[in-house]
Amino acid sequence: MTNEQLQKFKDNILERQRALHQMWEGLESELRAMVEDPLILPDPLDEAKELSDRNQRMGMFRHIERQAGKLARALRRIDMGIFGVCEGCEEEIDPRRLDAQPDCTFCIECQEFLENGGNGKPEARVVSIENVVSFRRPDETVERQTSNVIPFSKEASNG
């Protein structure tokens, strides 16, 4: 990937981060107002609606947090020189996919493989154990194993 392409992706990610930050601030002020000014509603239906609205906003808040974390990881991948490289097969991720979802870390084939529970394509793919370890959630601590090459399979991605 060229430096010009990387800069374009970085600008895209930074713009998305700014948009998320604005949404975050708006939700934060709404939630603060809800907490600081609790309504005492005589009607149980109104109270239920108010609680539902709060829960919905909290869900949106958590979604923004997750998205912000993914975008931050994408920026780190750019800095590390591995942005746009599939964590599964180490092939380049299609730039159109990165345009649509700059925080993705798997090519379409590997993503489909994971979503299918390790069944189906890509049967012939082979990856190193270090890549298979990265299939775990980013917040999990995993010891790196030293092994040459293993088949890309459901068993391999589970441990």
Protein backbone atom coordinates (compact mmCIF):
# COMPACT_ATOMS: atom_id res chain seq x y z
CA MET A 1 0.00 0.00 0.00
CA THR A 2 1.37 3.41 -0.92
CA ASN A 3 1.95 6.23 1.56
CA GLU A 4 -0.72 8.24 -0.24
CA GLN A 5 -3.28 5.45 0.25
CA LEU A 6 -2.30 5.07 3.90
CA GLN A 7 -2.72 8.80 4.45
CA LYS A 8 -6.17 8.65 2.84
CA PHE A 9 -7.19 5.83 5.18
CA LYS A 10 -5.71 7.66 8.17
CA ASP A 11 -7.66 10.82 7.29
CA ASN A 12 -10.83 8.73 6.92
CA ILE A 13 -10.27 7.12 10.33
CA LEU A 14 -9.56 10.48 11.98
CA GLU A 15 -12.74 11.93 10.48
CA ARG A 16 -14.73 8.98 11.81
CA GLN A 17 -13.15 9.49 15.23
CA ARG A 18 -14.19 13.15 15.21
CA ALA A 19 -17.76 12.18 14.31
CA LEU A 20 -17.83 9.58 17.10
CA HIS A 21 -16.47 12.13 19.54
CA GLN A 22 -19.27 14.55 18.68
CA MET A 23 -21.87 11.81 19.11
CA TRP A 24 -20.21 10.83 22.41
CA GLU A 25 -20.40 14.39 23.73
CA GLY A 26 -24.06 14.72 22.77
CA LEU A 27 -25.00 11.43 24.43
CA GLU A 28 -22.91 12.22 27.48
CA SER A 29 -24.73 15.51 28.05
CA GLU A 30 -28.12 13.82 27.56
CA LEU A 31 -27.24 11.07 30.03
CA ARG A 32 -25.89 13.58 32.53
CA ALA A 33 -29.12 15.54 32.32
CA MET A 34 -31.16 12.38 32.84
CA VAL A 35 -29.16 11.42 35.92
CA GLU A 36 -29.02 14.92 37.43
CA ASP A 37 -32.70 15.62 36.82
CA PRO A 38 -34.57 12.41 37.58
CA LEU A 39 -38.17 12.62 36.61
CA ILE A 40 -40.85 11.45 38.95
CA LEU A 41 -43.53 10.22 36.64
CA PRO A 42 -46.89 9.21 38.07
CA ASP A 43 -47.72 7.05 35.09
CA PRO A 44 -45.94 3.66 35.03
CA LEU A 45 -45.96 3.67 31.21
CA ASP A 46 -44.19 7.04 31.08
CA GLU A 47 -41.67 5.78 33.60
CA ALA A 48 -41.10 2.61 31.55
CA LYS A 49 -40.58 4.71 28.41
CA GLU A 50 -38.08 6.94 30.23
CA LEU A 51 -36.14 3.89 31.44
CA SER A 52 -36.21 2.44 27.93
CA ASP A 53 -34.84 5.71 26.51
CA ARG A 54 -32.02 5.70 29.07
CA ASN A 55 -31.15 2.10 28.24
CA GLN A 56 -31.14 2.88 24.54
CA ARG A 57 -28.78 5.80 25.07
CA MET A 58 -26.50 3.66 27.24
CA GLY A 59 -26.40 1.06 24.47
CA MET A 60 -25.48 3.74 21.96
CA PHE A 61 -22.80 4.98 24.36
CA ARG A 62 -21.26 1.48 24.58
CA HIS A 63 -21.42 1.12 20.78
CA ILE A 64 -19.54 4.40 20.34
CA GLU A 65 -16.92 3.22 22.85
CA ARG A 66 -16.39 -0.02 20.91
CA GLN A 67 -16.17 1.80 17.58
CA ALA A 68 -13.70 4.33 18.98
CA GLY A 69 -11.51 1.47 20.23
CA LYS A 70 -11.58 -0.22 16.82
CA LEU A 71 -10.59 3.01 15.09
CA ALA A 72 -7.76 3.59 17.57
CA ARG A 73 -6.48 0.08 16.84
CA ALA A 74 -6.66 0.81 13.09
CA LEU A 75 -4.48 3.90 13.60
CA ARG A 76 -1.98 1.79 15.58
CA ARG A 77 -1.93 -0.71 12.71
CA ILE A 78 -1.08 2.14 10.33
CA ASP A 79 1.75 3.26 12.63
CA MET A 80 3.02 -0.32 12.89
CA GLY A 81 2.98 -0.73 9.11
CA ILE A 82 0.46 -3.59 9.13
CA PHE A 83 -2.74 -1.73 8.21
CA GLY A 84 -4.57 -3.42 5.37
CA VAL A 85 -2.90 -6.79 5.95
CA CYS A 86 -5.26 -9.63 6.85
CA GLU A 87 -4.56 -11.10 10.28
CA GLY A 88 -5.63 -14.52 9.02
CA CYS A 89 -3.82 -15.06 5.74
CA GLU A 90 -1.44 -12.07 5.67
CA GLU A 91 -2.75 -11.06 2.23
CA GLU A 92 -3.66 -7.46 1.45
CA ILE A 93 -7.24 -6.55 2.31
CA ASP A 94 -9.20 -5.14 -0.62
CA PRO A 95 -8.99 -1.31 -0.43
CA ARG A 96 -12.73 -1.08 -1.16
CA ARG A 97 -13.37 -3.07 2.03
CA LEU A 98 -11.06 -0.76 3.96
CA ASP A 99 -12.86 2.29 2.53
CA ALA A 100 -16.15 0.96 3.85
CA GLN A 101 -14.78 -0.42 7.12
CA PRO A 102 -11.30 0.93 7.91
CA ASP A 103 -11.16 -0.94 11.21
CA CYS A 104 -11.44 -4.40 9.62
CA THR A 105 -8.49 -6.72 10.17
CA PHE A 106 -9.55 -9.66 8.01
CA CYS A 107 -10.05 -10.05 4.27
CA ILE A 108 -13.51 -11.09 3.09
CA GLU A 109 -12.54 -14.76 2.77
CA CYS A 110 -11.07 -15.03 6.27
CA GLN A 111 -13.96 -13.06 7.78
CA GLU A 112 -16.47 -15.41 6.14
CA PHE A 113 -14.46 -18.37 7.36
CA LEU A 114 -14.61 -17.06 10.93
CA GLU A 115 -18.31 -16.24 10.70
CA ASN A 116 -19.01 -19.76 9.43
CA GLY A 117 -17.37 -21.20 12.53
CA GLY A 118 -14.34 -22.42 10.61
CA ASN A 119 -16.38 -24.32 8.06
CA GLY A 120 -16.15 -23.97 4.31
CA LYS A 121 -13.71 -21.69 2.57
CA PRO A 122 -10.76 -21.24 2.73
CA GLU A 123 -9.81 -24.90 3.09
CA ALA A 124 -6.36 -24.54 1.61
CA ARG A 125 -5.26 -21.45 3.51
CA VAL A 126 -2.31 -21.86 5.80
CA VAL A 127 -1.30 -19.32 8.41
CA SER A 128 1.29 -19.10 11.14
CA ILE A 129 0.32 -19.74 14.76
CA GLU A 130 0.96 -16.08 15.58
CA ASN A 131 -1.86 -15.12 13.21
CA VAL A 132 -4.25 -17.70 14.58
CA VAL A 133 -3.65 -16.37 18.09
CA SER A 134 -4.79 -12.94 16.90
CA PHE A 135 -8.25 -14.38 16.15
CA ARG A 136 -8.98 -14.02 19.85
CA ARG A 137 -10.59 -10.87 21.16
CA PRO A 138 -8.06 -8.03 21.47
CA ASP A 139 -8.62 -7.70 25.21
CA GLU A 140 -7.60 -11.33 25.87
CA THR A 141 -4.02 -11.97 26.89
CA VAL A 142 -2.55 -14.90 24.99
CA GLU A 143 0.89 -16.41 25.17
CA ARG A 144 2.50 -16.65 21.76
CA GLN A 145 3.40 -20.16 20.77
CA THR A 146 6.39 -20.93 18.63
CA SER A 147 5.42 -23.23 15.85
CA ASN A 148 5.98 -23.20 12.15
CA VAL A 149 2.78 -23.51 10.18
CA ILE A 150 -0.55 -25.04 11.00
CA PRO A 151 -3.69 -25.55 8.93
CA PHE A 152 -6.25 -22.77 9.05
CA SER A 153 -9.08 -24.54 10.86
CA LYS A 154 -11.72 -24.09 13.52
CA GLU A 155 -9.62 -26.05 16.00
CA ALA A 156 -6.62 -23.83 15.32
CA SER A 157 -8.60 -20.64 15.90
CA ASN A 158 -9.99 -21.96 19.18
CA GLY A 159 -6.71 -22.67 20.77
